[in-house]
Amino acid sequence: MDTPLTTPVEAKRALRARLWAARKQRYADTSRAERETQAQALADHALRVVADRVAPGGTVTSYESWPTEPGTEPLNEALVAAGYRVLVPVTLPGLDLDWRPLGSDELDEAARLGLEAIGQADLVLTPGTAVDRRGVRLGQGGGCYDRALPRRRDGVRAVTLLHPQELLDEELPSAEHDQRVDAVVTMDGITWLRR
């Protein structure tokens, strides 16, 4: 019996390291003004997805991006301005996700809504490191969204926000527990994926 050279976990780890290095370099090579323009373009495309899928006043999950991730600040501000209820994750010690309203203090436990709050969402926007054309998502490595996404209501779509280079034609390694996503939004546009 042939032994694989790497396990899916090792393959994901190596790919994640390569993609994170590319993100770090891209961040260093891009001016603040360019990053702001890119974040606004991402917001414009993501708002189209939200408007098509979520009734006015509905609930959307988002997140507060790290510097090297596609910027979500303009998106989050626009969602609130448009009247959507926006929930953002709080990563728990066991790497599951609690949820809180955008703008509440992450440390304020009274503001937290619980693990099941993702079930209130009409659309789930997720971070990611890469996604392939089958909807396989490579996250940060902790499995947070793989735990959280099954708590969505039936039919609620999951959409990952990425840099354009992170929507991959090559198939990502995956395991049975990996939760697939329905679409990717980048500053260049929206891509619905084969499932």
Protein backbone atom coordinates (compact mmCIF):
# COMPACT_ATOMS: atom_id res chain seq x y z
CA MET A 1 0.00 0.00 0.00
CA ASP A 2 1.36 3.40 -0.97
CA THR A 3 1.79 5.88 1.86
CA PRO A 4 0.81 9.44 0.99
CA LEU A 5 3.69 11.89 1.17
CA THR A 6 1.59 14.23 3.26
CA THR A 7 -1.69 13.99 5.12
CA PRO A 8 -4.50 16.45 4.33
CA VAL A 9 -3.63 18.29 7.57
CA GLU A 10 0.03 18.63 6.51
CA ALA A 11 -0.95 19.69 3.00
CA LYS A 12 -3.33 22.34 4.38
CA ARG A 13 -0.65 23.61 6.77
CA ALA A 14 1.90 24.01 3.97
CA LEU A 15 -0.58 25.69 1.64
CA ARG A 16 -1.78 28.01 4.40
CA ALA A 17 1.80 29.07 5.15
CA ARG A 18 2.43 29.85 1.49
CA LEU A 19 -0.80 31.83 1.14
CA TRP A 20 -0.21 33.77 4.36
CA ALA A 21 3.29 34.71 3.16
CA ALA A 22 1.76 35.98 -0.09
CA ARG A 23 -0.79 38.00 1.89
CA LYS A 24 1.93 39.53 4.02
CA GLN A 25 3.93 40.49 0.93
CA ARG A 26 0.84 41.87 -0.83
CA TYR A 27 0.05 43.99 2.24
CA ALA A 28 3.62 45.35 2.31
CA ASP A 29 3.48 46.16 -1.42
CA THR A 30 0.09 47.91 -1.33
CA SER A 31 -0.42 51.48 -0.17
CA ARG A 32 -3.05 52.35 2.40
CA ALA A 33 -5.03 54.21 -0.28
CA GLU A 34 -4.99 51.13 -2.54
CA ARG A 35 -6.11 48.90 0.34
CA GLU A 36 -8.99 51.29 1.07
CA THR A 37 -10.03 51.27 -2.60
CA GLN A 38 -9.88 47.46 -2.66
CA ALA A 39 -11.94 47.22 0.54
CA GLN A 40 -14.58 49.50 -0.94
CA ALA A 41 -14.76 47.40 -4.12
CA LEU A 42 -15.16 44.26 -1.98
CA ALA A 43 -17.93 45.98 -0.02
CA ASP A 44 -19.77 46.99 -3.20
CA HIS A 45 -19.80 43.40 -4.52
CA ALA A 46 -20.69 41.86 -1.15
CA LEU A 47 -23.56 44.32 -0.70
CA ARG A 48 -25.01 43.11 -4.02
CA VAL A 49 -25.01 39.54 -2.71
CA VAL A 50 -26.61 40.63 0.56
CA ALA A 51 -29.29 42.73 -1.18
CA ASP A 52 -30.14 39.79 -3.48
CA ARG A 53 -30.40 37.26 -0.64
CA VAL A 54 -31.48 39.10 2.52
CA ALA A 55 -34.68 41.07 3.13
CA PRO A 56 -34.30 44.59 4.51
CA GLY A 57 -33.70 44.42 8.25
CA GLY A 58 -32.43 40.84 8.02
CA THR A 59 -29.40 39.39 9.79
CA VAL A 60 -25.96 38.87 8.24
CA THR A 61 -22.82 37.52 9.85
CA SER A 62 -19.57 39.25 9.01
CA TYR A 63 -16.24 39.67 10.79
CA GLU A 64 -13.68 42.32 11.65
CA SER A 65 -10.76 41.71 9.32
CA TRP A 66 -7.09 41.45 10.21
CA PRO A 67 -4.74 43.82 8.34
CA THR A 68 -3.65 41.28 5.70
CA GLU A 69 -7.20 40.05 5.03
CA PRO A 70 -9.53 41.75 2.57
CA GLY A 71 -10.79 44.76 4.51
CA THR A 72 -14.30 44.47 5.94
CA GLU A 73 -14.69 47.86 7.62
CA PRO A 74 -16.43 49.57 4.65
CA LEU A 75 -18.66 46.51 4.20
CA ASN A 76 -19.66 46.37 7.85
CA GLU A 77 -20.40 50.09 7.93
CA ALA A 78 -22.49 49.81 4.76
CA LEU A 79 -24.44 46.82 6.10
CA VAL A 80 -25.36 48.74 9.25
CA ALA A 81 -26.22 51.87 7.24
CA ALA A 82 -28.53 49.78 5.03
CA GLY A 83 -30.40 48.55 8.11
CA TYR A 84 -29.07 45.01 8.36
CA ARG A 85 -28.38 43.41 11.73
CA VAL A 86 -24.72 42.36 11.67
CA LEU A 87 -23.30 39.64 13.92
CA VAL A 88 -19.56 39.07 14.26
CA PRO A 89 -17.79 36.08 15.80
CA VAL A 90 -16.01 35.78 19.11
CA THR A 91 -13.52 32.92 19.07
CA LEU A 92 -13.84 30.83 22.22
CA PRO A 93 -10.96 28.95 23.92
CA GLY A 94 -12.10 25.64 22.38
CA LEU A 95 -12.10 27.29 18.90
CA ASP A 96 -15.86 27.39 18.55
CA LEU A 97 -17.61 30.65 17.68
CA ASP A 98 -19.91 32.71 19.86
CA TRP A 99 -21.57 35.74 18.24
CA ARG A 100 -22.12 39.37 19.21
CA PRO A 101 -23.68 42.38 17.51
CA LEU A 102 -21.20 44.45 15.50
CA GLY A 103 -20.11 47.42 17.59
CA SER A 104 -20.47 45.65 20.94
CA ASP A 105 -17.37 45.08 23.06
CA GLU A 106 -15.78 41.70 22.35
CA LEU A 107 -14.96 41.35 26.05
CA ASP A 108 -18.53 42.10 27.18
CA GLU A 109 -19.91 38.64 27.84
CA ALA A 110 -23.39 40.10 28.34
CA ALA A 111 -23.41 41.13 24.67
CA ARG A 112 -22.74 37.60 23.47
CA LEU A 113 -25.58 35.73 21.82
CA GLY A 114 -24.35 32.14 22.06
CA LEU A 115 -23.14 29.45 19.67
CA GLU A 116 -26.55 29.04 18.05
CA ALA A 117 -26.87 32.72 17.06
CA ILE A 118 -25.49 31.92 13.60
CA GLY A 119 -28.87 30.24 13.10
CA GLN A 120 -30.45 33.73 13.08
CA ALA A 121 -28.43 34.73 10.01
CA ASP A 122 -30.01 35.04 6.59
CA LEU A 123 -26.55 35.05 4.97
CA VAL A 124 -23.16 34.07 6.40
CA LEU A 125 -20.06 35.97 5.30
CA THR A 126 -16.87 34.17 6.32
CA PRO A 127 -13.16 34.85 6.30
CA GLY A 128 -10.87 32.35 4.65
CA THR A 129 -7.40 31.76 3.33
CA ALA A 130 -8.49 30.20 0.02
CA VAL A 131 -11.46 28.51 -1.65
CA ASP A 132 -11.47 26.18 -4.63
CA ARG A 133 -14.07 25.97 -7.40
CA ARG A 134 -15.88 23.15 -5.56
CA GLY A 135 -16.48 25.39 -2.54
CA VAL A 136 -13.83 23.76 -0.37
CA ARG A 137 -12.67 26.48 2.02
CA LEU A 138 -9.25 26.68 3.65
CA GLY A 139 -9.61 28.62 6.88
CA GLN A 140 -7.16 29.69 9.55
CA GLY A 141 -6.55 26.15 10.77
CA GLY A 142 -8.66 25.99 13.92
CA GLY A 143 -11.88 24.62 12.43
CA CYS A 144 -14.00 27.43 13.92
CA TYR A 145 -16.27 27.83 10.91
CA ASP A 146 -16.40 24.07 10.33
CA ARG A 147 -18.02 23.90 13.78
CA ALA A 148 -20.26 26.94 13.29
CA LEU A 149 -21.57 26.55 9.72
CA PRO A 150 -23.68 23.43 10.44
CA ARG A 151 -25.74 25.58 12.83
CA ARG A 152 -27.08 27.67 9.92
CA ARG A 153 -30.71 27.31 8.95
CA ASP A 154 -31.34 25.16 5.88
CA GLY A 155 -30.81 27.11 2.68
CA VAL A 156 -28.72 29.91 4.20
CA ARG A 157 -25.75 30.54 1.94
CA ALA A 158 -22.15 30.87 3.10
CA VAL A 159 -19.97 33.33 1.18
CA THR A 160 -16.22 33.73 1.74
CA LEU A 161 -14.42 37.06 1.28
CA LEU A 162 -10.98 36.70 -0.31
CA HIS A 163 -8.27 38.41 -2.30
CA PRO A 164 -8.73 37.57 -6.01
CA GLN A 165 -5.64 35.29 -6.13
CA GLU A 166 -7.11 33.10 -3.35
CA LEU A 167 -9.97 31.67 -5.44
CA LEU A 168 -8.10 28.63 -6.71
CA ASP A 169 -8.59 26.41 -9.75
CA GLU A 170 -6.54 23.67 -8.06
CA GLU A 171 -8.46 21.43 -5.68
CA LEU A 172 -7.77 22.07 -2.01
CA PRO A 173 -7.20 19.13 0.33
CA SER A 174 -10.34 18.42 2.30
CA ALA A 175 -11.67 16.19 5.03
CA GLU A 176 -15.17 14.92 5.72
CA HIS A 177 -15.83 17.56 8.41
CA ASP A 178 -14.88 20.50 6.15
CA GLN A 179 -17.87 22.74 5.45
CA ARG A 180 -18.14 23.97 1.88
CA VAL A 181 -19.17 27.48 0.91
CA ASP A 182 -21.47 28.65 -1.85
CA ALA A 183 -19.65 31.66 -3.24
CA VAL A 184 -16.56 33.84 -3.08
CA VAL A 185 -16.54 37.62 -3.17
CA THR A 186 -13.37 39.52 -4.01
CA MET A 187 -12.70 43.10 -4.99
CA ASP A 188 -13.07 41.86 -8.60
CA GLY A 189 -16.57 40.44 -8.20
CA ILE A 190 -18.77 37.53 -7.16
CA THR A 191 -18.20 33.87 -8.07
CA TRP A 192 -20.88 31.25 -7.33
CA LEU A 193 -19.31 27.83 -6.95
CA ARG A 194 -20.06 24.31 -8.15
CA ARG A 195 -21.45 22.13 -5.38
